[in-house]
Amino acid sequence: MFKRIVGYLRALFRNKAESMMDPEIEIEQALDEARKQDQALRNQAAKVIAHRTSLEQRIEKSADEVGKAREMAKQALLRAEKAQAEGDVDGVTKWTSSAQSLAMKLQASESNLEGLKGQYEVAVTQSEDAKNAVQQNAMRVQEMTAKRMELLGKVQQAKMQETVNSAMQSMNATLDRDAPSLGKVEEKIQDRLAHAQATSELSAATPEGAEAELRQAVSLAQADDKLAELRAELGLGSSGELGSTSEG
């Protein structure tokens, strides 16, 4: 019974804490965590690819060593053969022993090269897997970024609606208590409208107003010219021709 109560209190506290958290902060925290994971994954993938590159260099070096050991072993055999033809017993012993030593070195180099090639095949597969994992996770982060924008938009919409709801509640609460006369409200609106119109009329009568009107006319003319240019590029008729065609 006691455990059930403790579990209930924990769940209640967790739900209460979650409800008090700011959604915008939660969204940013989730995205930050995804970015950290993405960076960690990129670092690990870089190590895997670097290991593959290192193996490529070691394979190239080992292949050179194999080639050199093979060539030197051949030269030692040729010298031993020449010493034998000349009756040089010491030379035969010397170059035969050298050839044997070089043959063992060649065998070790070849074995090392084969081992590196096997590691390289695994490293290539791991590198491709690592790159695919980075690409997939990068797409996931992009999706989360887009989702963040969507969620933040919804949060802002919710806040605006809450503000409107609060304003409506406050207005409804005061409307019955102290409702203004509609006639007075109408007079105030008319006064503001008249004042705004008078200000606009005075502004238009000034040189600055005339200049603004002229700039607007020039901008509209330039916009019409640009639309005509675009219609010509698309092979479309002018707006007047389209209208006359539709009427016909």
Protein backbone atom coordinates (compact mmCIF):
# COMPACT_ATOMS: atom_id res chain seq x y z
CA MET A 1 0.00 0.00 0.00
CA PHE A 2 2.83 2.37 0.92
CA LYS A 3 4.65 1.64 -2.39
CA ARG A 4 1.48 2.40 -4.32
CA ILE A 5 1.15 5.76 -2.56
CA VAL A 6 4.81 6.59 -3.22
CA GLY A 7 4.41 5.61 -6.87
CA TYR A 8 1.29 7.74 -7.17
CA LEU A 9 3.04 10.75 -5.62
CA ARG A 10 6.03 10.35 -7.93
CA ALA A 11 3.79 10.17 -11.00
CA LEU A 12 1.83 13.19 -9.78
CA PHE A 13 4.98 15.20 -9.17
CA ARG A 14 6.44 14.20 -12.56
CA ASN A 15 3.26 15.18 -14.41
CA LYS A 16 3.08 18.44 -12.49
CA ALA A 17 6.72 19.23 -13.28
CA GLU A 18 6.26 18.43 -16.96
CA SER A 19 3.18 20.64 -17.19
CA MET A 20 5.14 23.55 -15.68
CA MET A 21 8.03 23.29 -18.18
CA ASP A 22 8.16 25.81 -21.00
CA PRO A 23 7.55 24.01 -24.33
CA GLU A 24 10.01 26.30 -26.12
CA ILE A 25 12.77 25.34 -23.67
CA GLU A 26 11.93 21.64 -24.05
CA ILE A 27 12.12 21.94 -27.85
CA GLU A 28 15.52 23.65 -27.69
CA GLN A 29 16.82 21.07 -25.21
CA ALA A 30 15.75 18.20 -27.47
CA LEU A 31 17.39 19.81 -30.49
CA ASP A 32 20.61 20.60 -28.57
CA GLU A 33 20.80 16.99 -27.41
CA ALA A 34 20.30 15.75 -30.99
CA ARG A 35 23.08 18.06 -32.20
CA LYS A 36 25.45 16.81 -29.49
CA GLN A 37 24.72 13.21 -30.47
CA ASP A 38 25.26 14.09 -34.11
CA GLN A 39 28.65 15.65 -33.35
CA ALA A 40 29.68 12.63 -31.25
CA LEU A 41 28.66 10.33 -34.10
CA ARG A 42 30.66 12.39 -36.59
CA ASN A 43 33.74 12.20 -34.35
CA GLN A 44 33.45 8.41 -34.11
CA ALA A 45 32.91 8.11 -37.87
CA ALA A 46 35.99 10.26 -38.48
CA LYS A 47 38.07 7.84 -36.36
CA VAL A 48 36.76 4.86 -38.36
CA ILE A 49 37.55 6.52 -41.68
CA ALA A 50 40.97 7.62 -40.41
CA HIS A 51 41.70 3.97 -39.48
CA ARG A 52 40.83 2.93 -43.04
CA THR A 53 43.15 5.60 -44.45
CA SER A 54 45.94 4.50 -42.11
CA LEU A 55 45.53 0.91 -43.30
CA GLU A 56 45.77 2.07 -46.91
CA GLN A 57 49.12 3.70 -46.14
CA ARG A 58 50.39 0.65 -44.25
CA ILE A 59 49.33 -1.66 -47.09
CA GLU A 60 51.20 0.48 -49.59
CA LYS A 61 54.32 0.45 -47.42
CA SER A 62 54.06 -3.31 -46.81
CA ALA A 63 53.63 -3.96 -50.54
CA ASP A 64 56.86 -2.02 -51.17
CA GLU A 65 58.64 -4.10 -48.53
CA VAL A 66 57.39 -7.32 -50.15
CA GLY A 67 58.62 -6.16 -53.53
CA LYS A 68 62.03 -5.22 -52.18
CA ALA A 69 62.40 -8.48 -50.23
CA ARG A 70 61.45 -10.53 -53.30
CA GLU A 71 63.92 -8.69 -55.51
CA MET A 72 66.74 -9.00 -52.98
CA ALA A 73 66.06 -12.72 -52.51
CA LYS A 74 66.29 -13.19 -56.29
CA GLN A 75 69.58 -11.30 -56.40
CA ALA A 76 70.97 -13.45 -53.58
CA LEU A 77 70.00 -16.65 -55.48
CA LEU A 78 71.65 -15.33 -58.65
CA ARG A 79 74.86 -14.56 -56.78
CA ALA A 80 74.82 -17.99 -55.13
CA GLU A 81 74.37 -19.58 -58.57
CA LYS A 82 77.24 -17.52 -59.96
CA ALA A 83 79.51 -18.44 -57.01
CA GLN A 84 78.73 -22.11 -57.53
CA ALA A 85 79.58 -21.83 -61.24
CA GLU A 86 82.90 -20.20 -60.29
CA GLY A 87 83.65 -22.84 -57.65
CA ASP A 88 83.47 -20.27 -54.86
CA VAL A 89 82.36 -22.44 -51.94
CA ASP A 90 82.39 -19.57 -49.44
CA GLY A 91 80.40 -17.42 -51.83
CA VAL A 92 77.83 -20.16 -52.31
CA THR A 93 77.42 -20.53 -48.56
CA LYS A 94 77.21 -16.77 -48.06
CA TRP A 95 74.66 -16.02 -50.73
CA THR A 96 72.58 -19.13 -50.09
CA SER A 97 72.30 -18.17 -46.41
CA SER A 98 71.43 -14.59 -47.42
CA ALA A 99 68.75 -15.87 -49.82
CA GLN A 100 67.24 -18.01 -47.05
CA SER A 101 67.15 -15.04 -44.69
CA LEU A 102 65.57 -12.84 -47.33
CA ALA A 103 63.05 -15.56 -48.15
CA MET A 104 61.94 -15.67 -44.51
CA LYS A 105 61.65 -11.87 -44.51
CA LEU A 106 59.66 -12.06 -47.74
CA GLN A 107 57.33 -14.64 -46.22
CA ALA A 108 56.78 -12.49 -43.13
CA SER A 109 56.16 -9.41 -45.27
CA GLU A 110 53.65 -11.26 -47.43
CA SER A 111 51.87 -12.58 -44.35
CA ASN A 112 51.73 -9.07 -42.88
CA LEU A 113 50.41 -7.71 -46.18
CA GLU A 114 47.63 -10.30 -46.32
CA GLY A 115 46.67 -9.49 -42.74
CA LEU A 116 46.51 -5.79 -43.53
CA LYS A 117 44.36 -6.47 -46.58
CA GLY A 118 41.92 -8.42 -44.44
CA GLN A 119 41.75 -5.57 -41.93
CA TYR A 120 41.28 -3.12 -44.78
CA GLU A 121 38.24 -4.97 -46.13
CA VAL A 122 36.62 -4.75 -42.70
CA ALA A 123 37.62 -1.09 -42.38
CA VAL A 124 36.06 -0.25 -45.76
CA THR A 125 32.75 -1.81 -44.69
CA GLN A 126 32.89 -0.02 -41.34
CA SER A 127 33.68 3.30 -43.05
CA GLU A 128 30.66 2.98 -45.34
CA ASP A 129 28.46 2.08 -42.38
CA ALA A 130 29.81 5.06 -40.45
CA LYS A 131 29.16 7.46 -43.35
CA ASN A 132 25.64 6.10 -43.80
CA ALA A 133 24.99 6.50 -40.08
CA VAL A 134 26.20 10.12 -40.19
CA GLN A 135 24.02 10.87 -43.22
CA GLN A 136 20.94 9.32 -41.64
CA ASN A 137 21.51 11.14 -38.36
CA ALA A 138 22.10 14.43 -40.20
CA MET A 139 18.74 13.99 -41.92
CA ARG A 140 17.18 13.28 -38.53
CA VAL A 141 18.63 16.53 -37.15
CA GLN A 142 17.29 18.41 -40.17
CA GLU A 143 13.87 16.89 -39.62
CA MET A 144 14.01 17.89 -35.96
CA THR A 145 15.02 21.43 -36.96
CA ALA A 146 12.04 21.68 -39.29
CA LYS A 147 9.80 20.19 -36.61
CA ARG A 148 11.17 22.74 -34.14
CA MET A 149 10.06 25.58 -36.39
CA GLU A 150 6.62 24.01 -36.73
CA LEU A 151 6.26 23.47 -32.99
CA LEU A 152 7.50 26.96 -32.14
CA GLY A 153 4.91 28.34 -34.55
CA LYS A 154 2.20 26.38 -32.78
CA VAL A 155 3.48 27.56 -29.39
CA GLN A 156 3.28 31.18 -30.57
CA GLN A 157 -0.21 30.57 -31.94
CA ALA A 158 -1.24 29.08 -28.62
CA LYS A 159 0.19 32.07 -26.73
CA MET A 160 -1.60 34.51 -29.01
CA GLN A 161 -4.86 32.63 -28.59
CA GLU A 162 -4.40 32.58 -24.83
CA THR A 163 -3.80 36.35 -24.88
CA VAL A 164 -6.93 36.89 -26.97
CA ASN A 165 -8.93 34.61 -24.67
CA SER A 166 -7.69 36.52 -21.65
CA ALA A 167 -8.55 39.83 -23.30
CA MET A 168 -12.02 38.57 -24.21
CA GLN A 169 -12.64 37.36 -20.69
CA SER A 170 -11.49 40.69 -19.26
CA MET A 171 -13.63 42.60 -21.75
CA ASN A 172 -16.70 40.48 -21.03
CA ALA A 173 -16.14 40.92 -17.33
CA THR A 174 -16.04 44.72 -17.58
CA LEU A 175 -18.62 45.10 -20.35
CA ASP A 176 -21.58 44.41 -18.13
CA ARG A 177 -20.12 46.45 -15.31
CA ASP A 178 -19.13 49.56 -17.24
CA ALA A 179 -20.34 49.34 -20.84
CA PRO A 180 -19.67 52.58 -22.82
CA SER A 181 -22.37 54.19 -24.94
CA LEU A 182 -22.24 53.04 -28.57
CA GLY A 183 -22.91 56.58 -29.66
CA LYS A 184 -19.84 57.84 -27.84
CA VAL A 185 -17.74 55.03 -29.28
CA GLU A 186 -18.95 55.91 -32.76
CA GLU A 187 -18.08 59.57 -32.20
CA LYS A 188 -14.57 58.67 -31.08
CA ILE A 189 -14.05 56.48 -34.12
CA GLN A 190 -15.32 59.19 -36.45
CA ASP A 191 -13.06 61.75 -34.79
CA ARG A 192 -10.03 59.48 -35.23
CA LEU A 193 -10.97 58.73 -38.82
CA ALA A 194 -11.40 62.42 -39.61
CA HIS A 195 -8.08 63.24 -37.98
CA ALA A 196 -6.34 60.48 -39.93
CA GLN A 197 -7.86 61.65 -43.20
CA ALA A 198 -6.89 65.24 -42.49
CA THR A 199 -3.33 64.19 -41.73
CA SER A 200 -3.18 62.19 -44.96
CA GLU A 201 -4.59 65.12 -46.95
CA LEU A 202 -2.06 67.52 -45.47
CA SER A 203 0.77 65.08 -46.12
CA ALA A 204 -0.28 64.68 -49.76
CA ALA A 205 -0.32 68.45 -50.18
CA THR A 206 3.32 68.82 -49.11
CA PRO A 207 6.31 68.43 -51.45
CA GLU A 208 7.30 65.33 -49.52
CA GLY A 209 3.87 63.80 -50.08
CA ALA A 210 3.94 64.62 -53.78
CA GLU A 211 7.39 63.09 -54.04
CA ALA A 212 6.20 59.91 -52.28
CA GLU A 213 3.22 59.71 -54.64
CA LEU A 214 5.55 60.12 -57.60
CA ARG A 215 7.89 57.40 -56.33
CA GLN A 216 4.94 55.03 -55.91
CA ALA A 217 3.75 55.76 -59.47
CA VAL A 218 7.27 55.15 -60.83
CA SER A 219 7.57 51.89 -58.86
CA LEU A 220 4.22 50.67 -60.20
CA ALA A 221 5.23 51.56 -63.75
CA GLN A 222 8.52 49.71 -63.34
CA ALA A 223 6.66 46.70 -61.95
CA ASP A 224 4.30 46.73 -64.95
CA ASP A 225 7.30 46.89 -67.31
CA LYS A 226 8.95 43.95 -65.53
CA LEU A 227 5.74 41.88 -65.75
CA ALA A 228 5.50 42.66 -69.46
CA GLU A 229 9.11 41.55 -69.88
CA LEU A 230 8.46 38.26 -68.05
CA ARG A 231 5.31 37.61 -70.11
CA ALA A 232 7.33 38.17 -73.29
CA GLU A 233 9.99 35.70 -72.11
CA LEU A 234 7.29 33.10 -71.41
CA GLY A 235 5.55 33.72 -74.71
CA LEU A 236 2.41 34.97 -73.00
CA GLY A 237 0.17 37.75 -74.27
CA SER A 238 -0.23 40.98 -72.39
CA SER A 239 -2.82 41.17 -69.65
CA GLY A 240 -5.05 43.18 -71.95
CA GLU A 241 -4.84 40.54 -74.71
CA LEU A 242 -5.64 37.78 -72.23
CA GLY A 243 -8.65 39.70 -71.01
CA SER A 244 -9.95 40.32 -74.56
CA THR A 245 -9.46 36.66 -75.47
CA SER A 246 -11.39 35.46 -72.46
CA GLU A 247 -14.18 37.90 -73.24
CA GLY A 248 -14.38 36.70 -76.83
